[in-house]
Amino acid sequence: GLHYAVGFLGWGAMPGGVGPNPLLLWEFLGMVALGGAWLG
């Protein structure tokens, strides 16, 4: 959902599309941190 939201808002390419997404690393790290905190 986060990945699609970033695409819909025009902040990065849609999943499956091409083009730069400067937020991609932060999407990954943010979801790992939140998911890790919950599972942890």
Full PDB file with SEQRES, HELIX, SHEET, SSBOND, CRYST1, ORIGX, SCALE, CONECT and MASTER records, all heavy atoms in Angstrom:
SEQRES   1 A   40  GLY LEU HIS TYR ALA VAL GLY PHE LEU GLY TRP GLY ALA          
SEQRES   2 A   40  MET PRO GLY GLY VAL GLY PRO ASN PRO LEU LEU LEU TRP          
SEQRES   3 A   40  GLU PHE LEU GLY MET VAL ALA LEU GLY GLY ALA TRP LEU          
SEQRES   4 A   40  GLY                                                          
HELIX    1 AA1 LEU A    2  PHE A    8  1                                   7    
HELIX    2 AA2 LEU A   24  LEU A   39  1                                  16    
CRYST1    1.000    1.000    1.000  90.00  90.00  90.00 P 1           1          
ORIGX1      1.000000  0.000000  0.000000        0.00000                         
ORIGX2      0.000000  1.000000  0.000000        0.00000                         
ORIGX3      0.000000  0.000000  1.000000        0.00000                         
SCALE1      1.000000  0.000000  0.000000        0.00000                         
SCALE2      0.000000  1.000000  0.000000        0.00000                         
SCALE3      0.000000  0.000000  1.000000        0.00000                         
ATOM      1  N   GLY A   1       0.811  -1.206   0.000  1.00  0.00           N  
ATOM      2  CA  GLY A   1       0.000   0.000   0.000  1.00  0.00           C  
ATOM      3  C   GLY A   1       0.848   1.262   0.000  1.00  0.00           C  
ATOM      4  O   GLY A   1       0.534   2.231  -0.718  1.00  0.00           O  
ATOM      5  N   LEU A   2       1.922   1.273   0.792  1.00  0.00           N  
ATOM      6  CA  LEU A   2       2.818   2.425   0.821  1.00  0.00           C  
ATOM      7  C   LEU A   2       3.440   2.657  -0.553  1.00  0.00           C  
ATOM      8  O   LEU A   2       3.527   3.800  -1.026  1.00  0.00           O  
ATOM      9  CB  LEU A   2       3.908   2.208   1.864  1.00  0.00           C  
ATOM     10  CG  LEU A   2       5.020   3.263   1.908  1.00  0.00           C  
ATOM     11  CD1 LEU A   2       4.448   4.625   2.310  1.00  0.00           C  
ATOM     12  CD2 LEU A   2       6.129   2.840   2.877  1.00  0.00           C  
ATOM     13  N   HIS A   3       3.854   1.573  -1.195  1.00  0.00           N  
ATOM     14  CA  HIS A   3       4.501   1.690  -2.504  1.00  0.00           C  
ATOM     15  C   HIS A   3       3.536   2.295  -3.532  1.00  0.00           C  
ATOM     16  O   HIS A   3       3.913   3.187  -4.310  1.00  0.00           O  
ATOM     17  CB  HIS A   3       4.973   0.311  -2.960  1.00  0.00           C  
ATOM     18  CG  HIS A   3       6.102   0.351  -3.918  1.00  0.00           C  
ATOM     19  ND1 HIS A   3       6.738  -0.775  -4.381  1.00  0.00           N  
ATOM     20  CD2 HIS A   3       6.724   1.390  -4.530  1.00  0.00           C  
ATOM     21  CE1 HIS A   3       7.688  -0.431  -5.226  1.00  0.00           C  
ATOM     22  NE2 HIS A   3       7.699   0.870  -5.334  1.00  0.00           N  
ATOM     23  N   TYR A   4       2.294   1.825  -3.542  1.00  0.00           N  
ATOM     24  CA  TYR A   4       1.311   2.376  -4.473  1.00  0.00           C  
ATOM     25  C   TYR A   4       0.967   3.815  -4.121  1.00  0.00           C  
ATOM     26  O   TYR A   4       0.753   4.656  -5.012  1.00  0.00           O  
ATOM     27  CB  TYR A   4       0.051   1.511  -4.487  1.00  0.00           C  
ATOM     28  CG  TYR A   4       0.136   0.347  -5.444  1.00  0.00           C  
ATOM     29  CD1 TYR A   4       0.484  -0.929  -4.994  1.00  0.00           C  
ATOM     30  CD2 TYR A   4      -0.107   0.521  -6.801  1.00  0.00           C  
ATOM     31  CE1 TYR A   4       0.585  -1.990  -5.862  1.00  0.00           C  
ATOM     32  CE2 TYR A   4      -0.016  -0.548  -7.690  1.00  0.00           C  
ATOM     33  CZ  TYR A   4       0.330  -1.800  -7.216  1.00  0.00           C  
ATOM     34  OH  TYR A   4       0.432  -2.849  -8.093  1.00  0.00           O  
ATOM     35  N   ALA A   5       0.911   4.142  -2.837  1.00  0.00           N  
ATOM     36  CA  ALA A   5       0.597   5.516  -2.419  1.00  0.00           C  
ATOM     37  C   ALA A   5       1.662   6.483  -2.917  1.00  0.00           C  
ATOM     38  O   ALA A   5       1.348   7.576  -3.414  1.00  0.00           O  
ATOM     39  CB  ALA A   5       0.475   5.587  -0.902  1.00  0.00           C  
ATOM     40  N   VAL A   6       2.924   6.081  -2.812  1.00  0.00           N  
ATOM     41  CA  VAL A   6       4.013   6.925  -3.316  1.00  0.00           C  
ATOM     42  C   VAL A   6       3.869   7.143  -4.815  1.00  0.00           C  
ATOM     43  O   VAL A   6       4.065   8.254  -5.328  1.00  0.00           O  
ATOM     44  CB  VAL A   6       5.375   6.294  -2.979  1.00  0.00           C  
ATOM     45  CG1 VAL A   6       6.510   6.997  -3.725  1.00  0.00           C  
ATOM     46  CG2 VAL A   6       5.634   6.343  -1.474  1.00  0.00           C  
ATOM     47  N   GLY A   7       3.485   6.082  -5.543  1.00  0.00           N  
ATOM     48  CA  GLY A   7       3.283   6.214  -6.984  1.00  0.00           C  
ATOM     49  C   GLY A   7       2.110   7.110  -7.329  1.00  0.00           C  
ATOM     50  O   GLY A   7       2.206   7.983  -8.209  1.00  0.00           O  
ATOM     51  N   PHE A   8       0.980   6.912  -6.654  1.00  0.00           N  
ATOM     52  CA  PHE A   8      -0.212   7.719  -6.938  1.00  0.00           C  
ATOM     53  C   PHE A   8       0.035   9.202  -6.640  1.00  0.00           C  
ATOM     54  O   PHE A   8      -0.500  10.080  -7.326  1.00  0.00           O  
ATOM     55  CB  PHE A   8      -1.403   7.214  -6.126  1.00  0.00           C  
ATOM     56  CG  PHE A   8      -2.072   6.014  -6.704  1.00  0.00           C  
ATOM     57  CD1 PHE A   8      -2.236   4.863  -5.944  1.00  0.00           C  
ATOM     58  CD2 PHE A   8      -2.550   6.007  -8.020  1.00  0.00           C  
ATOM     59  CE1 PHE A   8      -2.848   3.733  -6.482  1.00  0.00           C  
ATOM     60  CE2 PHE A   8      -3.162   4.897  -8.557  1.00  0.00           C  
ATOM     61  CZ  PHE A   8      -3.314   3.751  -7.789  1.00  0.00           C  
ATOM     62  N   LEU A   9       0.832   9.491  -5.626  1.00  0.00           N  
ATOM     63  CA  LEU A   9       1.115  10.875  -5.269  1.00  0.00           C  
ATOM     64  C   LEU A   9       2.166  11.511  -6.168  1.00  0.00           C  
ATOM     65  O   LEU A   9       2.456  12.711  -6.037  1.00  0.00           O  
ATOM     66  CB  LEU A   9       1.568  10.949  -3.807  1.00  0.00           C  
ATOM     67  CG  LEU A   9       0.488  10.623  -2.761  1.00  0.00           C  
ATOM     68  CD1 LEU A   9       1.111  10.508  -1.377  1.00  0.00           C  
ATOM     69  CD2 LEU A   9      -0.599  11.690  -2.776  1.00  0.00           C  
ATOM     70  N   GLY A  10       2.742  10.705  -7.061  1.00  0.00           N  
ATOM     71  CA  GLY A  10       3.738  11.234  -7.987  1.00  0.00           C  
ATOM     72  C   GLY A  10       5.114  11.419  -7.400  1.00  0.00           C  
ATOM     73  O   GLY A  10       5.957  12.117  -7.982  1.00  0.00           O  
ATOM     74  N   TRP A  11       5.374  10.811  -6.249  1.00  0.00           N  
ATOM     75  CA  TRP A  11       6.673  10.950  -5.612  1.00  0.00           C  
ATOM     76  C   TRP A  11       7.677   9.912  -6.129  1.00  0.00           C  
ATOM     77  O   TRP A  11       8.858   9.978  -5.798  1.00  0.00           O  
ATOM     78  CB  TRP A  11       6.537  10.805  -4.096  1.00  0.00           C  
ATOM     79  CG  TRP A  11       5.698  11.881  -3.477  1.00  0.00           C  
ATOM     80  CD1 TRP A  11       5.387  13.098  -4.032  1.00  0.00           C  
ATOM     81  CD2 TRP A  11       5.067  11.840  -2.193  1.00  0.00           C  
ATOM     82  NE1 TRP A  11       4.603  13.824  -3.180  1.00  0.00           N  
ATOM     83  CE2 TRP A  11       4.385  13.079  -2.023  1.00  0.00           C  
ATOM     84  CE3 TRP A  11       4.996  10.912  -1.174  1.00  0.00           C  
ATOM     85  CZ2 TRP A  11       3.663  13.391  -0.892  1.00  0.00           C  
ATOM     86  CZ3 TRP A  11       4.273  11.219  -0.033  1.00  0.00           C  
ATOM     87  CH2 TRP A  11       3.610  12.443   0.114  1.00  0.00           C  
ATOM     88  N   GLY A  12       7.228   8.955  -6.881  1.00  0.00           N  
ATOM     89  CA  GLY A  12       8.095   7.922  -7.433  1.00  0.00           C  
ATOM     90  C   GLY A  12       7.321   7.083  -8.427  1.00  0.00           C  
ATOM     91  O   GLY A  12       6.105   7.263  -8.597  1.00  0.00           O  
ATOM     92  N   ALA A  13       8.027   6.187  -9.104  1.00  0.00           N  
ATOM     93  CA  ALA A  13       7.381   5.340 -10.096  1.00  0.00           C  
ATOM     94  C   ALA A  13       6.414   4.367  -9.426  1.00  0.00           C  
ATOM     95  O   ALA A  13       6.611   3.948  -8.285  1.00  0.00           O  
ATOM     96  CB  ALA A  13       8.432   4.563 -10.890  1.00  0.00           C  
ATOM     97  N   MET A  14       5.364   4.017 -10.156  1.00  0.00           N  
ATOM     98  CA  MET A  14       4.440   2.996  -9.674  1.00  0.00           C  
ATOM     99  C   MET A  14       5.141   1.640  -9.663  1.00  0.00           C  
ATOM    100  O   MET A  14       6.054   1.393 -10.458  1.00  0.00           O  
ATOM    101  CB  MET A  14       3.214   2.936 -10.584  1.00  0.00           C  
ATOM    102  CG  MET A  14       2.316   4.152 -10.513  1.00  0.00           C  
ATOM    103  SD  MET A  14       1.421   4.251  -8.948  1.00  0.00           S  
ATOM    104  CE  MET A  14       0.278   2.875  -9.134  1.00  0.00           C  
ATOM    105  N   PRO A  15       4.735   0.723  -8.779  1.00  0.00           N  
ATOM    106  CA  PRO A  15       5.288  -0.634  -8.822  1.00  0.00           C  
ATOM    107  C   PRO A  15       5.107  -1.246 -10.209  1.00  0.00           C  
ATOM    108  O   PRO A  15       4.038  -1.159 -10.803  1.00  0.00           O  
ATOM    109  CB  PRO A  15       4.458  -1.373  -7.772  1.00  0.00           C  
ATOM    110  CG  PRO A  15       4.002  -0.312  -6.836  1.00  0.00           C  
ATOM    111  CD  PRO A  15       3.773   0.911  -7.685  1.00  0.00           C  
ATOM    112  N   GLY A  16       6.182  -1.804 -10.729  1.00  0.00           N  
ATOM    113  CA  GLY A  16       6.140  -2.381 -12.066  1.00  0.00           C  
ATOM    114  C   GLY A  16       6.494  -1.388 -13.152  1.00  0.00           C  
ATOM    115  O   GLY A  16       6.725  -1.775 -14.291  1.00  0.00           O  
ATOM    116  N   GLY A  17       6.567  -0.097 -12.811  1.00  0.00           N  
ATOM    117  CA  GLY A  17       6.942   0.911 -13.784  1.00  0.00           C  
ATOM    118  C   GLY A  17       8.433   1.163 -13.764  1.00  0.00           C  
ATOM    119  O   GLY A  17       9.199   0.498 -13.071  1.00  0.00           O  
ATOM    120  N   VAL A  18       8.863   2.145 -14.548  1.00  0.00           N  
ATOM    121  CA  VAL A  18      10.271   2.510 -14.576  1.00  0.00           C  
ATOM    122  C   VAL A  18      10.386   3.981 -14.229  1.00  0.00           C  
ATOM    123  O   VAL A  18       9.441   4.754 -14.372  1.00  0.00           O  
ATOM    124  CB  VAL A  18      10.910   2.237 -15.951  1.00  0.00           C  
ATOM    125  CG1 VAL A  18      10.925   0.759 -16.253  1.00  0.00           C  
ATOM    126  CG2 VAL A  18      10.167   2.997 -17.061  1.00  0.00           C  
ATOM    127  N   GLY A  19      11.562   4.359 -13.758  1.00  0.00           N  
ATOM    128  CA  GLY A  19      11.811   5.736 -13.411  1.00  0.00           C  
ATOM    129  C   GLY A  19      12.325   5.875 -11.996  1.00  0.00           C  
ATOM    130  O   GLY A  19      12.095   5.003 -11.153  1.00  0.00           O  
ATOM    131  N   PRO A  20      13.032   6.959 -11.714  1.00  0.00           N  
ATOM    132  CA  PRO A  20      13.633   7.155 -10.389  1.00  0.00           C  
ATOM    133  C   PRO A  20      12.585   7.266  -9.289  1.00  0.00           C  
ATOM    134  O   PRO A  20      11.503   7.806  -9.483  1.00  0.00           O  
ATOM    135  CB  PRO A  20      14.399   8.473 -10.557  1.00  0.00           C  
ATOM    136  CG  PRO A  20      14.611   8.628 -12.021  1.00  0.00           C  
ATOM    137  CD  PRO A  20      13.424   7.998 -12.673  1.00  0.00           C  
ATOM    138  N   ASN A  21      12.938   6.745  -8.134  1.00  0.00           N  
ATOM    139  CA  ASN A  21      12.103   6.864  -6.935  1.00  0.00           C  
ATOM    140  C   ASN A  21      13.025   7.193  -5.768  1.00  0.00           C  
ATOM    141  O   ASN A  21      13.587   6.295  -5.138  1.00  0.00           O  
ATOM    142  CB  ASN A  21      11.338   5.575  -6.671  1.00  0.00           C  
ATOM    143  CG  ASN A  21      10.428   5.683  -5.453  1.00  0.00           C  
ATOM    144  OD1 ASN A  21      10.439   6.688  -4.747  1.00  0.00           O  
ATOM    145  ND2 ASN A  21       9.647   4.653  -5.196  1.00  0.00           N  
ATOM    146  N   PRO A  22      13.207   8.472  -5.465  1.00  0.00           N  
ATOM    147  CA  PRO A  22      14.149   8.842  -4.401  1.00  0.00           C  
ATOM    148  C   PRO A  22      13.729   8.369  -3.017  1.00  0.00           C  
ATOM    149  O   PRO A  22      14.535   8.388  -2.083  1.00  0.00           O  
ATOM    150  CB  PRO A  22      14.170  10.385  -4.477  1.00  0.00           C  
ATOM    151  CG  PRO A  22      12.883  10.756  -5.143  1.00  0.00           C  
ATOM    152  CD  PRO A  22      12.581   9.641  -6.095  1.00  0.00           C  
ATOM    153  N   LEU A  23      12.483   7.949  -2.864  1.00  0.00           N  
ATOM    154  CA  LEU A  23      11.997   7.503  -1.559  1.00  0.00           C  
ATOM    155  C   LEU A  23      12.125   5.989  -1.365  1.00  0.00           C  
ATOM    156  O   LEU A  23      11.774   5.484  -0.291  1.00  0.00           O  
ATOM    157  CB  LEU A  23      10.526   7.904  -1.381  1.00  0.00           C  
ATOM    158  CG  LEU A  23      10.218   9.403  -1.371  1.00  0.00           C  
ATOM    159  CD1 LEU A  23       8.717   9.624  -1.235  1.00  0.00           C  
ATOM    160  CD2 LEU A  23      10.959  10.094  -0.243  1.00  0.00           C  
ATOM    161  N   LEU A  24      12.618   5.280  -2.373  1.00  0.00           N  
ATOM    162  CA  LEU A  24      12.553   3.817  -2.332  1.00  0.00           C  
ATOM    163  C   LEU A  24      13.296   3.237  -1.132  1.00  0.00           C  
ATOM    164  O   LEU A  24      12.774   2.363  -0.432  1.00  0.00           O  
ATOM    165  CB  LEU A  24      13.104   3.233  -3.637  1.00  0.00           C  
ATOM    166  CG  LEU A  24      12.897   1.739  -3.832  1.00  0.00           C  
ATOM    167  CD1 LEU A  24      11.411   1.391  -3.859  1.00  0.00           C  
ATOM    168  CD2 LEU A  24      13.565   1.272  -5.124  1.00  0.00           C  
ATOM    169  N   LEU A  25      14.502   3.705  -0.891  1.00  0.00           N  
ATOM    170  CA  LEU A  25      15.272   3.177   0.242  1.00  0.00           C  
ATOM    171  C   LEU A  25      14.556   3.473   1.555  1.00  0.00           C  
ATOM    172  O   LEU A  25      14.497   2.617   2.452  1.00  0.00           O  
ATOM    173  CB  LEU A  25      16.671   3.780   0.256  1.00  0.00           C  
ATOM    174  CG  LEU A  25      17.557   3.382   1.450  1.00  0.00           C  
ATOM    175  CD1 LEU A  25      17.776   1.873   1.480  1.00  0.00           C  
ATOM    176  CD2 LEU A  25      18.906   4.117   1.388  1.00  0.00           C  
ATOM    177  N   TRP A  26      13.982   4.674   1.670  1.00  0.00           N  
ATOM    178  CA  TRP A  26      13.302   5.040   2.908  1.00  0.00           C  
ATOM    179  C   TRP A  26      12.007   4.248   3.085  1.00  0.00           C  
ATOM    180  O   TRP A  26      11.623   3.923   4.210  1.00  0.00           O  
ATOM    181  CB  TRP A  26      13.024   6.539   2.926  1.00  0.00           C  
ATOM    182  CG  TRP A  26      14.288   7.329   2.884  1.00  0.00           C  
ATOM    183  CD1 TRP A  26      14.768   8.073   1.834  1.00  0.00           C  
ATOM    184  CD2 TRP A  26      15.277   7.419   3.919  1.00  0.00           C  
ATOM    185  NE1 TRP A  26      15.976   8.629   2.155  1.00  0.00           N  
ATOM    186  CE2 TRP A  26      16.319   8.254   3.426  1.00  0.00           C  
ATOM    187  CE3 TRP A  26      15.376   6.900   5.197  1.00  0.00           C  
ATOM    188  CZ2 TRP A  26      17.446   8.551   4.185  1.00  0.00           C  
ATOM    189  CZ3 TRP A  26      16.498   7.197   5.953  1.00  0.00           C  
ATOM    190  CH2 TRP A  26      17.513   8.011   5.446  1.00  0.00           C  
ATOM    191  N   GLU A  27      11.337   3.933   1.977  1.00  0.00           N  
ATOM    192  CA  GLU A  27      10.169   3.052   2.057  1.00  0.00           C  
ATOM    193  C   GLU A  27      10.574   1.699   2.644  1.00  0.00           C  
ATOM    194  O   GLU A  27       9.913   1.163   3.549  1.00  0.00           O  
ATOM    195  CB  GLU A  27       9.554   2.847   0.671  1.00  0.00           C  
ATOM    196  CG  GLU A  27       8.905   4.067   0.053  1.00  0.00           C  
ATOM    197  CD  GLU A  27       8.430   3.762  -1.360  1.00  0.00           C  
ATOM    198  OE1 GLU A  27       7.796   2.700  -1.565  1.00  0.00           O  
ATOM    199  OE2 GLU A  27       8.705   4.568  -2.260  1.00  0.00           O  
ATOM    200  N   PHE A  28      11.655   1.151   2.102  1.00  0.00           N  
ATOM    201  CA  PHE A  28      12.129  -0.157   2.559  1.00  0.00           C  
ATOM    202  C   PHE A  28      12.529  -0.110   4.032  1.00  0.00           C  
ATOM    203  O   PHE A  28      12.058  -0.910   4.849  1.00  0.00           O  
ATOM    204  CB  PHE A  28      13.301  -0.605   1.691  1.00  0.00           C  
ATOM    205  CG  PHE A  28      14.004  -1.839   2.184  1.00  0.00           C  
ATOM    206  CD1 PHE A  28      13.396  -3.081   2.085  1.00  0.00           C  
ATOM    207  CD2 PHE A  28      15.268  -1.758   2.753  1.00  0.00           C  
ATOM    208  CE1 PHE A  28      14.044  -4.226   2.543  1.00  0.00           C  
ATOM    209  CE2 PHE A  28      15.923  -2.886   3.216  1.00  0.00           C  
ATOM    210  CZ  PHE A  28      15.307  -4.117   3.106  1.00  0.00           C  
ATOM    211  N   LEU A  29      13.396   0.842   4.381  1.00  0.00           N  
ATOM    212  CA  LEU A  29      13.885   0.911   5.761  1.00  0.00           C  
ATOM    213  C   LEU A  29      12.755   1.230   6.734  1.00  0.00           C  
ATOM    214  O   LEU A  29      12.703   0.682   7.843  1.00  0.00           O  
ATOM    215  CB  LEU A  29      14.986   1.968   5.862  1.00  0.00           C  
ATOM    216  CG  LEU A  29      16.287   1.671   5.113  1.00  0.00           C  
ATOM    217  CD1 LEU A  29      17.255   2.832   5.261  1.00  0.00           C  
ATOM    218  CD2 LEU A  29      16.922   0.380   5.611  1.00  0.00           C  
ATOM    219  N   GLY A  30      11.842   2.106   6.333  1.00  0.00           N  
ATOM    220  CA  GLY A  30      10.727   2.456   7.212  1.00  0.00           C  
ATOM    221  C   GLY A  30       9.824   1.280   7.494  1.00  0.00           C  
ATOM    222  O   GLY A  30       9.437   1.046   8.657  1.00  0.00           O  
ATOM    223  N   MET A  31       9.493   0.520   6.452  1.00  0.00           N  
ATOM    224  CA  MET A  31       8.624  -0.636   6.651  1.00  0.00           C  
ATOM    225  C   MET A  31       9.328  -1.733   7.441  1.00  0.00           C  
ATOM    226  O   MET A  31       8.703  -2.423   8.261  1.00  0.00           O  
ATOM    227  CB  MET A  31       8.134  -1.177   5.312  1.00  0.00           C  
ATOM    228  CG  MET A  31       7.137  -0.282   4.602  1.00  0.00           C  
ATOM    229  SD  MET A  31       5.704   0.177   5.622  1.00  0.00           S  
ATOM    230  CE  MET A  31       5.103  -1.416   6.160  1.00  0.00           C  
ATOM    231  N   VAL A  32      10.625  -1.904   7.235  1.00  0.00           N  
ATOM    232  CA  VAL A  32      11.380  -2.889   8.018  1.00  0.00           C  
ATOM    233  C   VAL A  32      11.403  -2.467   9.488  1.00  0.00           C  
ATOM    234  O   VAL A  32      11.217  -3.303  10.391  1.00  0.00           O  
ATOM    235  CB  VAL A  32      12.810  -3.041   7.476  1.00  0.00           C  
ATOM    236  CG1 VAL A  32      13.678  -3.862   8.436  1.00  0.00           C  
ATOM    237  CG2 VAL A  32      12.791  -3.713   6.106  1.00  0.00           C  
ATOM    238  N   ALA A  33      11.601  -1.174   9.746  1.00  0.00           N  
ATOM    239  CA  ALA A  33      11.640  -0.694  11.132  1.00  0.00           C  
ATOM    240  C   ALA A  33      10.279  -0.860  11.807  1.00  0.00           C  
ATOM    241  O   ALA A  33      10.194  -1.363  12.940  1.00  0.00           O  
ATOM    242  CB  ALA A  33      12.074   0.775  11.162  1.00  0.00           C  
ATOM    243  N   LEU A  34       9.208  -0.444  11.132  1.00  0.00           N  
ATOM    244  CA  LEU A  34       7.875  -0.565  11.728  1.00  0.00           C  
ATOM    245  C   LEU A  34       7.473  -2.029  11.898  1.00  0.00           C  
ATOM    246  O   LEU A  34       6.974  -2.437  12.949  1.00  0.00           O  
ATOM    247  CB  LEU A  34       6.854   0.173  10.860  1.00  0.00           C  
ATOM    248  CG  LEU A  34       6.959   1.702  10.850  1.00  0.00           C  
ATOM    249  CD1 LEU A  34       6.000   2.295   9.832  1.00  0.00           C  
ATOM    250  CD2 LEU A  34       6.678   2.264  12.241  1.00  0.00           C  
ATOM    251  N   GLY A  35       7.672  -2.811  10.835  1.00  0.00           N  
ATOM    252  CA  GLY A  35       7.327  -4.230  10.920  1.00  0.00           C  
ATOM    253  C   GLY A  35       8.179  -4.954  11.941  1.00  0.00           C  
ATOM    254  O   GLY A  35       7.683  -5.804  12.698  1.00  0.00           O  
ATOM    255  N   GLY A  36       9.472  -4.605  11.990  1.00  0.00           N  
ATOM    256  CA  GLY A  36      10.354  -5.234  12.965  1.00  0.00           C  
ATOM    257  C   GLY A  36       9.965  -4.904  14.386  1.00  0.00           C  
ATOM    258  O   GLY A  36      10.021  -5.763  15.275  1.00  0.00           O  
ATOM    259  N   ALA A  37       9.548  -3.648  14.628  1.00  0.00           N  
ATOM    260  CA  ALA A  37       9.123  -3.254  15.980  1.00  0.00           C  
ATOM    261  C   ALA A  37       7.881  -4.030  16.405  1.00  0.00           C  
ATOM    262  O   ALA A  37       7.766  -4.483  17.555  1.00  0.00           O  
ATOM    263  CB  ALA A  37       8.865  -1.752  16.019  1.00  0.00           C  
ATOM    264  N   TRP A  38       6.928  -4.184  15.470  1.00  0.00           N  
ATOM    265  CA  TRP A  38       5.686  -4.898  15.795  1.00  0.00           C  
ATOM    266  C   TRP A  38       5.952  -6.379  16.041  1.00  0.00           C  
ATOM    267  O   TRP A  38       5.537  -6.950  17.058  1.00  0.00           O  
ATOM    268  CB  TRP A  38       4.681  -4.697  14.656  1.00  0.00           C  
ATOM    269  CG  TRP A  38       3.290  -5.144  14.997  1.00  0.00           C  
ATOM    270  CD1 TRP A  38       2.700  -5.150  16.222  1.00  0.00           C  
ATOM    271  CD2 TRP A  38       2.324  -5.663  14.088  1.00  0.00           C  
ATOM    272  NE1 TRP A  38       1.411  -5.628  16.135  1.00  0.00           N  
ATOM    273  CE2 TRP A  38       1.157  -5.941  14.833  1.00  0.00           C  
ATOM    274  CE3 TRP A  38       2.322  -5.892  12.709  1.00  0.00           C  
ATOM    275  CZ2 TRP A  38       0.007  -6.474  14.233  1.00  0.00           C  
ATOM    276  CZ3 TRP A  38       1.174  -6.400  12.123  1.00  0.00           C  
ATOM    277  CH2 TRP A  38       0.030  -6.690  12.885  1.00  0.00           C  
ATOM    278  N   LEU A  39       6.666  -7.019  15.103  1.00  0.00           N  
ATOM    279  CA  LEU A  39       6.990  -8.436  15.299  1.00  0.00           C  
ATOM    280  C   LEU A  39       7.909  -8.622  16.496  1.00  0.00           C  
ATOM    281  O   LEU A  39       7.779  -9.584  17.265  1.00  0.00           O  
ATOM    282  CB  LEU A  39       7.657  -8.997  14.044  1.00  0.00           C  
ATOM    283  CG  LEU A  39       6.766  -9.591  12.964  1.00  0.00           C  
ATOM    284  CD1 LEU A  39       7.604 -10.069  11.795  1.00  0.00           C  
ATOM    285  CD2 LEU A  39       5.927 -10.731  13.508  1.00  0.00           C  
ATOM    286  N   GLY A  40       8.869  -7.695  16.654  1.00  0.00           N  
ATOM    287  CA  GLY A  40       9.803  -7.804  17.766  1.00  0.00           C  
ATOM    288  C   GLY A  40       9.092  -7.746  19.106  1.00  0.00           C  
ATOM    289  O   GLY A  40       9.438  -8.467  20.047  1.00  0.00           O  
TER     290      GLY A  40                                                      
MASTER        0    0    0    2    0    0    0    6  289    1    0    4          
END                                                                             
